[in-house]
Amino acid sequence: MIGRRYVVTGQVQGVGFRMFTERVARHEGLTGWVANRDDGGVDVMAEGEAGALERFERRLRVGPPMARVAAVERADLPATGQWRGFEAR
């Protein structure tokens, strides 16, 4: 298990990005959360298997149909195991 924090920028608010992220994360069996940022981006914290996180990141870089992802910053973190599921905040 590993942890990753993502900051997604572009046209990612008001386009269903958080619901999309929640759905993809649950499909991949990840735990964590997604939340809008004050600067118009989206914060994502996710934990799970390395392969699942790689597939998840590929989907984040595309986003839902109405989104226009400009960039995805990633930071690897130690997994904490503190989340039981994945939620949009």
PDB file of N, CA and C in Angstrom:
ATOM      1  N   MET A   1       0.845  -1.186   0.000  1.00  0.00           N
ATOM      2  CA  MET A   1       0.000   0.000   0.000  1.00  0.00           C
ATOM      3  C   MET A   1       0.888   1.246   0.000  1.00  0.00           C
ATOM      4  N   ILE A   2       0.508   2.176  -0.858  1.00  0.00           N
ATOM      5  CA  ILE A   2       1.196   3.459  -0.887  1.00  0.00           C
ATOM      6  C   ILE A   2       0.168   4.570  -0.917  1.00  0.00           C
ATOM      7  N   GLY A   3       0.621   5.772  -0.635  1.00  0.00           N
ATOM      8  CA  GLY A   3      -0.246   6.939  -0.667  1.00  0.00           C
ATOM      9  C   GLY A   3       0.238   7.933  -1.705  1.00  0.00           C
ATOM     10  N   ARG A   4      -0.696   8.655  -2.272  1.00  0.00           N
ATOM     11  CA  ARG A   4      -0.345   9.701  -3.228  1.00  0.00           C
ATOM     12  C   ARG A   4      -1.294  10.875  -3.068  1.00  0.00           C
ATOM     13  N   ARG A   5      -0.719  12.067  -3.191  1.00  0.00           N
ATOM     14  CA  ARG A   5      -1.522  13.282  -3.219  1.00  0.00           C
ATOM     15  C   ARG A   5      -1.395  13.867  -4.614  1.00  0.00           C
ATOM     16  N   TYR A   6      -2.528  14.272  -5.168  1.00  0.00           N
ATOM     17  CA  TYR A   6      -2.570  14.869  -6.493  1.00  0.00           C
ATOM     18  C   TYR A   6      -3.189  16.263  -6.388  1.00  0.00           C
ATOM     19  N   VAL A   7      -2.672  17.177  -7.179  1.00  0.00           N
ATOM     20  CA  VAL A   7      -3.308  18.474  -7.373  1.00  0.00           C
ATOM     21  C   VAL A   7      -3.582  18.576  -8.864  1.00  0.00           C
ATOM     22  N   VAL A   8      -4.860  18.673  -9.213  1.00  0.00           N
ATOM     23  CA  VAL A   8      -5.287  18.711 -10.610  1.00  0.00           C
ATOM     24  C   VAL A   8      -5.717  20.137 -10.926  1.00  0.00           C
ATOM     25  N   THR A   9      -5.175  20.689 -12.016  1.00  0.00           N
ATOM     26  CA  THR A   9      -5.521  22.050 -12.415  1.00  0.00           C
ATOM     27  C   THR A   9      -6.090  22.051 -13.824  1.00  0.00           C
ATOM     28  N   GLY A  10      -6.746  23.147 -14.148  1.00  0.00           N
ATOM     29  CA  GLY A  10      -7.412  23.306 -15.437  1.00  0.00           C
ATOM     30  C   GLY A  10      -8.875  23.626 -15.193  1.00  0.00           C
ATOM     31  N   GLN A  11      -9.724  23.259 -16.126  1.00  0.00           N
ATOM     32  CA  GLN A  11     -11.165  23.429 -15.950  1.00  0.00           C
ATOM     33  C   GLN A  11     -11.690  22.161 -15.295  1.00  0.00           C
ATOM     34  N   VAL A  12     -11.586  22.132 -13.954  1.00  0.00           N
ATOM     35  CA  VAL A  12     -11.906  20.914 -13.210  1.00  0.00           C
ATOM     36  C   VAL A  12     -12.937  21.123 -12.099  1.00  0.00           C
ATOM     37  N   GLN A  13     -13.491  22.316 -12.013  1.00  0.00           N
ATOM     38  CA  GLN A  13     -14.578  22.551 -11.063  1.00  0.00           C
ATOM     39  C   GLN A  13     -15.849  22.861 -11.841  1.00  0.00           C
ATOM     40  N   GLY A  14     -16.975  22.370 -11.332  1.00  0.00           N
ATOM     41  CA  GLY A  14     -18.256  22.607 -11.985  1.00  0.00           C
ATOM     42  C   GLY A  14     -18.488  21.706 -13.192  1.00  0.00           C
ATOM     43  N   VAL A  15     -17.690  20.648 -13.318  1.00  0.00           N
ATOM     44  CA  VAL A  15     -17.809  19.740 -14.468  1.00  0.00           C
ATOM     45  C   VAL A  15     -17.954  18.280 -14.028  1.00  0.00           C
ATOM     46  N   GLY A  16     -18.232  18.059 -12.744  1.00  0.00           N
ATOM     47  CA  GLY A  16     -18.405  16.700 -12.235  1.00  0.00           C
ATOM     48  C   GLY A  16     -17.102  15.976 -11.930  1.00  0.00           C
ATOM     49  N   PHE A  17     -16.013  16.727 -11.769  1.00  0.00           N
ATOM     50  CA  PHE A  17     -14.709  16.101 -11.560  1.00  0.00           C
ATOM     51  C   PHE A  17     -14.637  15.333 -10.245  1.00  0.00           C
ATOM     52  N   ARG A  18     -15.212  15.879  -9.182  1.00  0.00           N
ATOM     53  CA  ARG A  18     -15.151  15.176  -7.891  1.00  0.00           C
ATOM     54  C   ARG A  18     -15.939  13.869  -7.944  1.00  0.00           C
ATOM     55  N   MET A  19     -17.122  13.874  -8.534  1.00  0.00           N
ATOM     56  CA  MET A  19     -17.913  12.640  -8.640  1.00  0.00           C
ATOM     57  C   MET A  19     -17.191  11.621  -9.518  1.00  0.00           C
ATOM     58  N   PHE A  20     -16.604  12.086 -10.623  1.00  0.00           N
ATOM     59  CA  PHE A  20     -15.820  11.223 -11.500  1.00  0.00           C
ATOM     60  C   PHE A  20     -14.672  10.584 -10.726  1.00  0.00           C
ATOM     61  N   THR A  21     -13.941  11.394  -9.970  1.00  0.00           N
ATOM     62  CA  THR A  21     -12.791  10.913  -9.202  1.00  0.00           C
ATOM     63  C   THR A  21     -13.224   9.887  -8.168  1.00  0.00           C
ATOM     64  N   GLU A  22     -14.318  10.165  -7.478  1.00  0.00           N
ATOM     65  CA  GLU A  22     -14.840   9.237  -6.474  1.00  0.00           C
ATOM     66  C   GLU A  22     -15.206   7.897  -7.109  1.00  0.00           C
ATOM     67  N   ARG A  23     -15.872   7.943  -8.243  1.00  0.00           N
ATOM     68  CA  ARG A  23     -16.296   6.717  -8.935  1.00  0.00           C
ATOM     69  C   ARG A  23     -15.082   5.890  -9.397  1.00  0.00           C
ATOM     70  N   VAL A  24     -14.081   6.542  -9.983  1.00  0.00           N
ATOM     71  CA  VAL A  24     -12.888   5.838 -10.466  1.00  0.00           C
ATOM     72  C   VAL A  24     -12.100   5.262  -9.282  1.00  0.00           C
ATOM     73  N   ALA A  25     -11.961   6.031  -8.215  1.00  0.00           N
ATOM     74  CA  ALA A  25     -11.225   5.561  -7.041  1.00  0.00           C
ATOM     75  C   ALA A  25     -11.883   4.325  -6.431  1.00  0.00           C
ATOM     76  N   ARG A  26     -13.191   4.362  -6.306  1.00  0.00           N
ATOM     77  CA  ARG A  26     -13.897   3.203  -5.748  1.00  0.00           C
ATOM     78  C   ARG A  26     -13.750   1.990  -6.655  1.00  0.00           C
ATOM     79  N   HIS A  27     -13.814   2.209  -7.962  1.00  0.00           N
ATOM     80  CA  HIS A  27     -13.641   1.111  -8.917  1.00  0.00           C
ATOM     81  C   HIS A  27     -12.259   0.465  -8.762  1.00  0.00           C
ATOM     82  N   GLU A  28     -11.247   1.275  -8.486  1.00  0.00           N
ATOM     83  CA  GLU A  28      -9.879   0.779  -8.327  1.00  0.00           C
ATOM     84  C   GLU A  28      -9.598   0.269  -6.909  1.00  0.00           C
ATOM     85  N   GLY A  29     -10.572   0.389  -5.999  1.00  0.00           N
ATOM     86  CA  GLY A  29     -10.385  -0.086  -4.635  1.00  0.00           C
ATOM     87  C   GLY A  29      -9.512   0.819  -3.784  1.00  0.00           C
ATOM     88  N   LEU A  30      -9.470   2.113  -4.117  1.00  0.00           N
ATOM     89  CA  LEU A  30      -8.652   3.074  -3.375  1.00  0.00           C
ATOM     90  C   LEU A  30      -9.438   3.684  -2.226  1.00  0.00           C
ATOM     91  N   THR A  31      -8.726   4.191  -1.255  1.00  0.00           N
ATOM     92  CA  THR A  31      -9.330   4.948  -0.168  1.00  0.00           C
ATOM     93  C   THR A  31      -8.777   6.359  -0.201  1.00  0.00           C
ATOM     94  N   GLY A  32      -9.532   7.310   0.383  1.00  0.00           N
ATOM     95  CA  GLY A  32      -9.064   8.690   0.447  1.00  0.00           C
ATOM     96  C   GLY A  32     -10.184   9.670   0.217  1.00  0.00           C
ATOM     97  N   TRP A  33      -9.845  10.797  -0.413  1.00  0.00           N
ATOM     98  CA  TRP A  33     -10.827  11.855  -0.619  1.00  0.00           C
ATOM     99  C   TRP A  33     -10.447  12.745  -1.800  1.00  0.00           C
ATOM    100  N   VAL A  34     -11.426  13.521  -2.264  1.00  0.00           N
ATOM    101  CA  VAL A  34     -11.233  14.530  -3.300  1.00  0.00           C
ATOM    102  C   VAL A  34     -11.989  15.778  -2.866  1.00  0.00           C
ATOM    103  N   ALA A  35     -11.393  16.958  -3.086  1.00  0.00           N
ATOM    104  CA  ALA A  35     -12.027  18.209  -2.681  1.00  0.00           C
ATOM    105  C   ALA A  35     -11.604  19.336  -3.617  1.00  0.00           C
ATOM    106  N   ASN A  36     -12.512  20.296  -3.818  1.00  0.00           N
ATOM    107  CA  ASN A  36     -12.180  21.487  -4.587  1.00  0.00           C
ATOM    108  C   ASN A  36     -11.222  22.367  -3.794  1.00  0.00           C
ATOM    109  N   ARG A  37     -10.357  23.060  -4.517  1.00  0.00           N
ATOM    110  CA  ARG A  37      -9.430  24.025  -3.925  1.00  0.00           C
ATOM    111  C   ARG A  37      -9.950  25.435  -4.191  1.00  0.00           C
ATOM    112  N   ASP A  38      -9.547  26.376  -3.362  1.00  0.00           N
ATOM    113  CA  ASP A  38      -9.956  27.772  -3.551  1.00  0.00           C
ATOM    114  C   ASP A  38      -9.407  28.366  -4.845  1.00  0.00           C
ATOM    115  N   ASP A  39      -8.303  27.825  -5.356  1.00  0.00           N
ATOM    116  CA  ASP A  39      -7.681  28.372  -6.568  1.00  0.00           C
ATOM    117  C   ASP A  39      -8.265  27.799  -7.863  1.00  0.00           C
ATOM    118  N   GLY A  40      -9.333  26.999  -7.765  1.00  0.00           N
ATOM    119  CA  GLY A  40      -9.973  26.437  -8.950  1.00  0.00           C
ATOM    120  C   GLY A  40      -9.510  25.035  -9.302  1.00  0.00           C
ATOM    121  N   GLY A  41      -8.519  24.539  -8.611  1.00  0.00           N
ATOM    122  CA  GLY A  41      -8.034  23.179  -8.825  1.00  0.00           C
ATOM    123  C   GLY A  41      -8.767  22.187  -7.944  1.00  0.00           C
ATOM    124  N   VAL A  42      -8.277  20.956  -7.969  1.00  0.00           N
ATOM    125  CA  VAL A  42      -8.855  19.883  -7.165  1.00  0.00           C
ATOM    126  C   VAL A  42      -7.732  19.162  -6.441  1.00  0.00           C
ATOM    127  N   ASP A  43      -7.907  18.921  -5.137  1.00  0.00           N
ATOM    128  CA  ASP A  43      -6.991  18.121  -4.323  1.00  0.00           C
ATOM    129  C   ASP A  43      -7.500  16.701  -4.253  1.00  0.00           C
ATOM    130  N   VAL A  44      -6.588  15.741  -4.351  1.00  0.00           N
ATOM    131  CA  VAL A  44      -6.947  14.333  -4.225  1.00  0.00           C
ATOM    132  C   VAL A  44      -5.924  13.657  -3.327  1.00  0.00           C
ATOM    133  N   MET A  45      -6.390  12.900  -2.371  1.00  0.00           N
ATOM    134  CA  MET A  45      -5.533  12.067  -1.535  1.00  0.00           C
ATOM    135  C   MET A  45      -6.020  10.642  -1.706  1.00  0.00           C
ATOM    136  N   ALA A  46      -5.115   9.741  -2.115  1.00  0.00           N
ATOM    137  CA  ALA A  46      -5.528   8.365  -2.382  1.00  0.00           C
ATOM    138  C   ALA A  46      -4.485   7.382  -1.864  1.00  0.00           C
ATOM    139  N   GLU A  47      -4.958   6.240  -1.389  1.00  0.00           N
ATOM    140  CA  GLU A  47      -4.090   5.165  -0.938  1.00  0.00           C
ATOM    141  C   GLU A  47      -4.555   3.858  -1.560  1.00  0.00           C
ATOM    142  N   GLY A  48      -3.591   3.002  -1.879  1.00  0.00           N
ATOM    143  CA  GLY A  48      -3.928   1.702  -2.432  1.00  0.00           C
ATOM    144  C   GLY A  48      -2.723   1.040  -3.058  1.00  0.00           C
ATOM    145  N   GLU A  49      -2.991   0.037  -3.870  1.00  0.00           N
ATOM    146  CA  GLU A  49      -1.942  -0.697  -4.575  1.00  0.00           C
ATOM    147  C   GLU A  49      -1.330   0.186  -5.668  1.00  0.00           C
ATOM    148  N   ALA A  50      -0.035   0.003  -5.928  1.00  0.00           N
ATOM    149  CA  ALA A  50       0.676   0.828  -6.900  1.00  0.00           C
ATOM    150  C   ALA A  50       0.017   0.784  -8.280  1.00  0.00           C
ATOM    151  N   GLY A  51      -0.351  -0.391  -8.756  1.00  0.00           N
ATOM    152  CA  GLY A  51      -0.975  -0.509 -10.069  1.00  0.00           C
ATOM    153  C   GLY A  51      -2.306   0.216 -10.150  1.00  0.00           C
ATOM    154  N   ALA A  52      -3.092   0.123  -9.090  1.00  0.00           N
ATOM    155  CA  ALA A  52      -4.388   0.808  -9.048  1.00  0.00           C
ATOM    156  C   ALA A  52      -4.189   2.323  -9.070  1.00  0.00           C
ATOM    157  N   LEU A  53      -3.176   2.808  -8.362  1.00  0.00           N
ATOM    158  CA  LEU A  53      -2.896   4.245  -8.353  1.00  0.00           C
ATOM    159  C   LEU A  53      -2.414   4.724  -9.715  1.00  0.00           C
ATOM    160  N   GLU A  54      -1.660   3.921 -10.432  1.00  0.00           N
ATOM    161  CA  GLU A  54      -1.215   4.294 -11.782  1.00  0.00           C
ATOM    162  C   GLU A  54      -2.416   4.396 -12.724  1.00  0.00           C
ATOM    163  N   ARG A  55      -3.321   3.432 -12.673  1.00  0.00           N
ATOM    164  CA  ARG A  55      -4.526   3.480 -13.510  1.00  0.00           C
ATOM    165  C   ARG A  55      -5.385   4.690 -13.132  1.00  0.00           C
ATOM    166  N   PHE A  56      -5.512   4.954 -11.833  1.00  0.00           N
ATOM    167  CA  PHE A  56      -6.275   6.088 -11.324  1.00  0.00           C
ATOM    168  C   PHE A  56      -5.686   7.398 -11.864  1.00  0.00           C
ATOM    169  N   GLU A  57      -4.374   7.535 -11.791  1.00  0.00           N
ATOM    170  CA  GLU A  57      -3.728   8.761 -12.263  1.00  0.00           C
ATOM    171  C   GLU A  57      -3.959   8.971 -13.763  1.00  0.00           C
ATOM    172  N   ARG A  58      -3.883   7.922 -14.535  1.00  0.00           N
ATOM    173  CA  ARG A  58      -4.152   8.051 -15.975  1.00  0.00           C
ATOM    174  C   ARG A  58      -5.551   8.608 -16.222  1.00  0.00           C
ATOM    175  N   ARG A  59      -6.518   8.153 -15.432  1.00  0.00           N
ATOM    176  CA  ARG A  59      -7.901   8.654 -15.569  1.00  0.00           C
ATOM    177  C   ARG A  59      -8.016  10.105 -15.104  1.00  0.00           C
ATOM    178  N   LEU A  60      -7.282  10.467 -14.031  1.00  0.00           N
ATOM    179  CA  LEU A  60      -7.292  11.857 -13.569  1.00  0.00           C
ATOM    180  C   LEU A  60      -6.772  12.797 -14.650  1.00  0.00           C
ATOM    181  N   ARG A  61      -5.776  12.357 -15.393  1.00  0.00           N
ATOM    182  CA  ARG A  61      -5.168  13.209 -16.431  1.00  0.00           C
ATOM    183  C   ARG A  61      -6.121  13.480 -17.596  1.00  0.00           C
ATOM    184  N   VAL A  62      -7.173  12.684 -17.714  1.00  0.00           N
ATOM    185  CA  VAL A  62      -8.187  12.890 -18.749  1.00  0.00           C
ATOM    186  C   VAL A  62      -9.416  13.567 -18.157  1.00  0.00           C
ATOM    187  N   GLY A  63      -9.911  13.051 -17.028  1.00  0.00           N
ATOM    188  CA  GLY A  63     -11.086  13.609 -16.369  1.00  0.00           C
ATOM    189  C   GLY A  63     -12.377  13.263 -17.081  1.00  0.00           C
ATOM    190  N   PRO A  64     -13.499  13.781 -16.574  1.00  0.00           N
ATOM    191  CA  PRO A  64     -14.795  13.542 -17.212  1.00  0.00           C
ATOM    192  C   PRO A  64     -14.906  14.364 -18.504  1.00  0.00           C
ATOM    193  N   PRO A  65     -15.931  14.094 -19.315  1.00  0.00           N
ATOM    194  CA  PRO A  65     -16.039  14.735 -20.636  1.00  0.00           C
ATOM    195  C   PRO A  65     -15.976  16.267 -20.642  1.00  0.00           C
ATOM    196  N   MET A  66     -16.557  16.931 -19.673  1.00  0.00           N
ATOM    197  CA  MET A  66     -16.593  18.405 -19.676  1.00  0.00           C
ATOM    198  C   MET A  66     -15.318  19.039 -19.101  1.00  0.00           C
ATOM    199  N   ALA A  67     -14.459  18.263 -18.502  1.00  0.00           N
ATOM    200  CA  ALA A  67     -13.237  18.790 -17.882  1.00  0.00           C
ATOM    201  C   ALA A  67     -12.160  19.037 -18.929  1.00  0.00           C
ATOM    202  N   ARG A  68     -11.272  19.949 -18.605  1.00  0.00           N
ATOM    203  CA  ARG A  68     -10.082  20.200 -19.410  1.00  0.00           C
ATOM    204  C   ARG A  68      -8.903  20.228 -18.436  1.00  0.00           C
ATOM    205  N   VAL A  69      -8.246  19.095 -18.278  1.00  0.00           N
ATOM    206  CA  VAL A  69      -7.143  18.971 -17.328  1.00  0.00           C
ATOM    207  C   VAL A  69      -5.890  19.603 -17.936  1.00  0.00           C
ATOM    208  N   ALA A  70      -5.323  20.581 -17.230  1.00  0.00           N
ATOM    209  CA  ALA A  70      -4.094  21.241 -17.691  1.00  0.00           C
ATOM    210  C   ALA A  70      -2.867  20.526 -17.139  1.00  0.00           C
ATOM    211  N   ALA A  71      -2.934  20.118 -15.860  1.00  0.00           N
ATOM    212  CA  ALA A  71      -1.778  19.475 -15.228  1.00  0.00           C
ATOM    213  C   ALA A  71      -2.228  18.654 -14.028  1.00  0.00           C
ATOM    214  N   VAL A  72      -1.423  17.637 -13.726  1.00  0.00           N
ATOM    215  CA  VAL A  72      -1.623  16.829 -12.518  1.00  0.00           C
ATOM    216  C   VAL A  72      -0.271  16.738 -11.824  1.00  0.00           C
ATOM    217  N   GLU A  73      -0.181  17.340 -10.644  1.00  0.00           N
ATOM    218  CA  GLU A  73       1.028  17.230  -9.820  1.00  0.00           C
ATOM    219  C   GLU A  73       0.839  16.061  -8.876  1.00  0.00           C
ATOM    220  N   ARG A  74       1.896  15.299  -8.645  1.00  0.00           N
ATOM    221  CA  ARG A  74       1.805  14.103  -7.809  1.00  0.00           C
ATOM    222  C   ARG A  74       2.915  14.103  -6.776  1.00  0.00           C
ATOM    223  N   ALA A  75       2.550  13.716  -5.556  1.00  0.00           N
ATOM    224  CA  ALA A  75       3.533  13.537  -4.492  1.00  0.00           C
ATOM    225  C   ALA A  75       3.282  12.188  -3.843  1.00  0.00           C
ATOM    226  N   ASP A  76       4.329  11.371  -3.760  1.00  0.00           N
ATOM    227  CA  ASP A  76       4.219  10.079  -3.078  1.00  0.00           C
ATOM    228  C   ASP A  76       4.352  10.293  -1.579  1.00  0.00           C
ATOM    229  N   LEU A  77       3.494   9.613  -0.825  1.00  0.00           N
ATOM    230  CA  LEU A  77       3.457   9.737   0.628  1.00  0.00           C
ATOM    231  C   LEU A  77       3.344   8.350   1.252  1.00  0.00           C
ATOM    232  N   PRO A  78       3.737   8.218   2.501  1.00  0.00           N
ATOM    233  CA  PRO A  78       3.503   6.932   3.164  1.00  0.00           C
ATOM    234  C   PRO A  78       1.996   6.713   3.359  1.00  0.00           C
ATOM    235  N   ALA A  79       1.542   5.502   3.182  1.00  0.00           N
ATOM    236  CA  ALA A  79       0.137   5.182   3.429  1.00  0.00           C
ATOM    237  C   ALA A  79      -0.125   5.221   4.928  1.00  0.00           C
ATOM    238  N   THR A  80      -1.275   5.761   5.306  1.00  0.00           N
ATOM    239  CA  THR A  80      -1.637   5.852   6.719  1.00  0.00           C
ATOM    240  C   THR A  80      -2.721   4.862   7.108  1.00  0.00           C
ATOM    241  N   GLY A  81      -3.519   4.424   6.136  1.00  0.00           N
ATOM    242  CA  GLY A  81      -4.616   3.520   6.430  1.00  0.00           C
ATOM    243  C   GLY A  81      -5.756   4.162   7.189  1.00  0.00           C
ATOM    244  N   GLN A  82      -5.830   5.493   7.191  1.00  0.00           N
ATOM    245  CA  GLN A  82      -6.835   6.177   8.005  1.00  0.00           C
ATOM    246  C   GLN A  82      -8.218   6.268   7.363  1.00  0.00           C
ATOM    247  N   TRP A  83      -8.344   5.999   6.064  1.00  0.00           N
ATOM    248  CA  TRP A  83      -9.648   6.087   5.415  1.00  0.00           C
ATOM    249  C   TRP A  83     -10.217   4.707   5.161  1.00  0.00           C
ATOM    250  N   ARG A  84     -11.506   4.573   5.289  1.00  0.00           N
ATOM    251  CA  ARG A  84     -12.176   3.291   5.069  1.00  0.00           C
ATOM    252  C   ARG A  84     -12.781   3.204   3.662  1.00  0.00           C
ATOM    253  N   GLY A  85     -12.990   4.324   3.028  1.00  0.00           N
ATOM    254  CA  GLY A  85     -13.555   4.377   1.691  1.00  0.00           C
ATOM    255  C   GLY A  85     -12.997   5.575   0.963  1.00  0.00           C
ATOM    256  N   PHE A  86     -13.680   5.999  -0.075  1.00  0.00           N
ATOM    257  CA  PHE A  86     -13.266   7.186  -0.826  1.00  0.00           C
ATOM    258  C   PHE A  86     -14.450   8.118  -0.895  1.00  0.00           C
ATOM    259  N   GLU A  87     -14.231   9.402  -0.570  1.00  0.00           N
ATOM    260  CA  GLU A  87     -15.350  10.338  -0.524  1.00  0.00           C
ATOM    261  C   GLU A  87     -15.015  11.677  -1.174  1.00  0.00           C
ATOM    262  N   ALA A  88     -16.047  12.292  -1.744  1.00  0.00           N
ATOM    263  CA  ALA A  88     -15.946  13.662  -2.243  1.00  0.00           C
ATOM    264  C   ALA A  88     -16.296  14.587  -1.106  1.00  0.00           C
ATOM    265  N   ARG A  89     -15.465  15.549  -0.889  1.00  0.00           N
ATOM    266  CA  ARG A  89     -15.700  16.522   0.192  1.00  0.00           C
ATOM    267  C   ARG A  89     -16.182  17.839  -0.370  1.00  0.00           C
TER     268      ARG A  89
END
